[in-house]
N, C-alpha and C. Protein backbone atom coordinates (compact mmCIF):
# COMPACT_ATOMS: atom_id res chain seq x y z
N UNK A 1 102.72 82.79 89.61
CA UNK A 1 103.89 82.59 90.39
C UNK A 1 103.50 82.38 91.84
N UNK A 2 103.88 81.29 92.38
CA UNK A 2 103.55 81.01 93.78
C UNK A 2 104.64 81.58 94.67
N UNK A 3 104.17 82.21 95.77
CA UNK A 3 105.05 82.76 96.73
C UNK A 3 105.54 81.68 97.67
N UNK A 4 106.78 81.58 97.99
CA UNK A 4 107.32 80.65 98.95
C UNK A 4 107.29 81.25 100.35
N UNK A 5 107.27 80.40 101.36
CA UNK A 5 107.24 80.86 102.75
C UNK A 5 108.38 81.83 103.01
N UNK A 6 109.56 81.54 102.60
CA UNK A 6 110.78 82.38 102.89
C UNK A 6 110.56 83.80 102.22
N UNK A 7 109.99 83.80 101.06
CA UNK A 7 109.74 85.12 100.39
C UNK A 7 108.70 85.89 101.14
N UNK A 8 107.62 85.25 101.56
CA UNK A 8 106.59 85.88 102.28
C UNK A 8 107.06 86.43 103.62
N UNK A 9 107.92 85.73 104.27
CA UNK A 9 108.49 86.19 105.53
C UNK A 9 109.39 87.41 105.33
N UNK A 10 110.10 87.40 104.21
CA UNK A 10 110.99 88.54 103.91
C UNK A 10 110.14 89.79 103.70
N UNK A 11 109.05 89.64 102.93
CA UNK A 11 108.22 90.75 102.63
C UNK A 11 107.58 91.30 103.91
N UNK A 12 107.12 90.33 104.77
CA UNK A 12 106.44 90.69 106.02
C UNK A 12 107.46 91.46 106.88
N UNK A 13 108.68 91.03 106.94
CA UNK A 13 109.77 91.70 107.72
C UNK A 13 109.96 93.13 107.18
N UNK A 14 109.89 93.34 105.91
CA UNK A 14 110.04 94.68 105.33
C UNK A 14 108.90 95.57 105.75
N UNK A 15 107.64 95.04 105.78
CA UNK A 15 106.51 95.85 106.23
C UNK A 15 106.67 96.18 107.75
N UNK A 16 107.14 95.27 108.51
CA UNK A 16 107.38 95.51 109.92
C UNK A 16 108.41 96.64 110.13
N UNK A 17 109.52 96.54 109.40
CA UNK A 17 110.50 97.58 109.42
C UNK A 17 110.03 98.92 108.99
N UNK A 18 109.21 98.96 107.92
CA UNK A 18 108.61 100.23 107.44
C UNK A 18 107.64 100.81 108.49
N UNK A 19 106.86 99.95 109.10
CA UNK A 19 105.93 100.46 110.13
C UNK A 19 106.65 101.09 111.30
N UNK A 20 107.73 100.39 111.72
CA UNK A 20 108.54 100.94 112.88
C UNK A 20 109.21 102.23 112.48
N UNK A 21 109.71 102.29 111.26
CA UNK A 21 110.44 103.50 110.85
C UNK A 21 109.45 104.72 110.79
N UNK A 22 108.23 104.46 110.24
CA UNK A 22 107.28 105.52 110.11
C UNK A 22 106.80 105.95 111.46
N UNK A 23 106.66 105.00 112.43
CA UNK A 23 106.22 105.30 113.76
C UNK A 23 107.33 106.13 114.47
N UNK A 24 108.60 105.93 114.09
CA UNK A 24 109.68 106.74 114.62
C UNK A 24 109.83 108.10 113.97
N UNK A 25 108.93 108.45 113.05
CA UNK A 25 108.96 109.75 112.40
C UNK A 25 109.69 109.83 111.14
N UNK A 26 110.24 108.70 110.66
CA UNK A 26 111.00 108.74 109.44
C UNK A 26 110.10 108.40 108.22
N UNK A 27 110.57 108.65 107.06
CA UNK A 27 109.89 108.23 105.85
C UNK A 27 110.49 106.94 105.32
N UNK A 28 109.80 106.21 104.54
CA UNK A 28 110.30 104.88 104.02
C UNK A 28 110.02 104.94 102.53
N UNK A 29 110.95 104.44 101.72
CA UNK A 29 110.86 104.34 100.30
C UNK A 29 110.72 102.92 99.85
N UNK A 30 109.63 102.66 99.08
CA UNK A 30 109.42 101.35 98.46
C UNK A 30 109.43 101.60 96.97
N UNK A 31 110.50 101.25 96.32
CA UNK A 31 110.65 101.59 94.88
C UNK A 31 110.69 103.10 94.69
N UNK A 32 109.70 103.58 94.01
CA UNK A 32 109.66 105.06 93.76
C UNK A 32 108.69 105.73 94.68
N UNK A 33 108.02 105.00 95.59
CA UNK A 33 107.04 105.64 96.53
C UNK A 33 107.69 105.94 97.84
N UNK A 34 107.41 107.11 98.36
CA UNK A 34 107.90 107.54 99.68
C UNK A 34 106.67 107.58 100.59
N UNK A 35 106.74 106.79 101.69
CA UNK A 35 105.65 106.70 102.62
C UNK A 35 106.03 107.39 103.94
N UNK A 36 105.07 108.10 104.48
CA UNK A 36 105.29 108.81 105.76
C UNK A 36 104.16 108.43 106.73
N UNK A 37 104.11 109.14 107.84
CA UNK A 37 103.09 108.87 108.84
C UNK A 37 101.67 108.84 108.31
N UNK A 38 101.43 109.67 107.33
CA UNK A 38 100.08 109.74 106.70
C UNK A 38 99.72 108.40 105.99
N UNK A 39 100.76 107.63 105.67
CA UNK A 39 100.53 106.35 104.96
C UNK A 39 100.58 105.11 105.89
N UNK A 40 100.55 105.40 107.22
CA UNK A 40 100.68 104.31 108.16
C UNK A 40 99.55 103.27 108.02
N UNK A 41 98.35 103.69 107.80
CA UNK A 41 97.23 102.75 107.55
C UNK A 41 97.53 101.77 106.38
N UNK A 42 98.07 102.33 105.31
CA UNK A 42 98.39 101.53 104.14
C UNK A 42 99.50 100.52 104.45
N UNK A 43 100.50 100.99 105.23
CA UNK A 43 101.54 100.07 105.62
C UNK A 43 101.00 98.95 106.48
N UNK A 44 100.19 99.29 107.45
CA UNK A 44 99.62 98.28 108.35
C UNK A 44 98.71 97.32 107.59
N UNK A 45 97.96 97.81 106.62
CA UNK A 45 97.12 96.87 105.83
C UNK A 45 98.04 95.91 105.05
N UNK A 46 99.07 96.42 104.49
CA UNK A 46 100.00 95.49 103.76
C UNK A 46 100.64 94.48 104.70
N UNK A 47 101.02 94.95 105.91
CA UNK A 47 101.59 94.00 106.94
C UNK A 47 100.62 92.95 107.28
N UNK A 48 99.37 93.30 107.56
CA UNK A 48 98.35 92.36 107.89
C UNK A 48 98.08 91.33 106.81
N UNK A 49 98.08 91.81 105.57
CA UNK A 49 97.90 90.93 104.44
C UNK A 49 99.02 89.86 104.40
N UNK A 50 100.28 90.34 104.58
CA UNK A 50 101.39 89.38 104.54
C UNK A 50 101.47 88.50 105.74
N UNK A 51 100.96 88.94 106.90
CA UNK A 51 100.85 88.09 108.03
C UNK A 51 99.92 86.90 107.75
N UNK A 52 98.82 87.25 107.10
CA UNK A 52 97.81 86.17 106.73
C UNK A 52 98.45 85.23 105.71
N UNK A 53 99.23 85.74 104.74
CA UNK A 53 99.84 84.87 103.77
C UNK A 53 100.87 83.95 104.42
N UNK A 54 101.70 84.51 105.34
CA UNK A 54 102.69 83.69 105.99
C UNK A 54 102.00 82.59 106.80
N UNK A 55 100.97 82.97 107.55
CA UNK A 55 100.22 81.97 108.35
C UNK A 55 99.63 80.87 107.45
N UNK A 56 99.10 81.28 106.28
CA UNK A 56 98.51 80.31 105.41
C UNK A 56 99.58 79.34 104.87
N UNK A 57 100.71 79.89 104.45
CA UNK A 57 101.83 79.09 103.96
C UNK A 57 102.36 78.13 105.03
N UNK A 58 102.50 78.64 106.24
CA UNK A 58 102.96 77.80 107.37
C UNK A 58 101.98 76.68 107.61
N UNK A 59 100.71 76.97 107.58
CA UNK A 59 99.71 75.92 107.82
C UNK A 59 99.75 74.87 106.69
N UNK A 60 99.90 75.35 105.46
CA UNK A 60 99.98 74.42 104.36
C UNK A 60 101.19 73.52 104.46
N UNK A 61 102.33 74.06 104.95
CA UNK A 61 103.55 73.27 105.08
C UNK A 61 103.37 72.23 106.17
N UNK A 62 102.55 72.51 107.19
CA UNK A 62 102.27 71.56 108.25
C UNK A 62 101.16 70.60 107.85
N UNK A 63 100.58 70.77 106.70
CA UNK A 63 99.46 69.91 106.30
C UNK A 63 98.10 70.37 106.78
N UNK A 64 98.09 71.58 107.26
CA UNK A 64 96.80 72.15 107.69
C UNK A 64 96.43 73.30 106.77
N UNK A 65 95.90 72.99 105.61
CA UNK A 65 95.55 74.04 104.66
C UNK A 65 94.25 74.74 104.93
N UNK A 66 93.44 74.19 105.80
CA UNK A 66 92.13 74.79 106.10
C UNK A 66 92.20 75.41 107.50
N UNK A 67 91.70 76.62 107.64
CA UNK A 67 91.73 77.25 108.98
C UNK A 67 90.64 76.76 109.87
N UNK A 68 89.93 75.71 109.48
CA UNK A 68 88.82 75.19 110.26
C UNK A 68 88.88 73.66 110.25
N UNK A 69 88.19 73.03 111.16
CA UNK A 69 88.09 71.59 111.24
C UNK A 69 86.76 71.14 110.58
N UNK A 70 86.78 69.99 110.05
CA UNK A 70 85.61 69.43 109.41
C UNK A 70 84.92 68.50 110.38
N UNK A 71 83.69 68.77 110.77
CA UNK A 71 82.96 67.94 111.72
C UNK A 71 82.29 66.78 110.96
N UNK A 72 82.33 65.61 111.50
CA UNK A 72 81.65 64.46 110.94
C UNK A 72 80.58 64.00 111.90
N UNK A 73 79.33 63.92 111.43
CA UNK A 73 78.24 63.52 112.36
C UNK A 73 77.66 62.20 111.91
């Protein structure tokens, strides 16, 4: 199943909301899991992963699927 850009942005937004909530001292529930300040590293890792996916999908939509340029000599 391929993730669409809108779906990836929605998931990223959820991670950002969770990170802010935990930083404010609240707990966050994802399904049956309750995350607290002790889980902040896990939340940040998930957010960073989805930031990369969103960037990759945005680049692909613009026709830039490679994060580098190809040099011709």
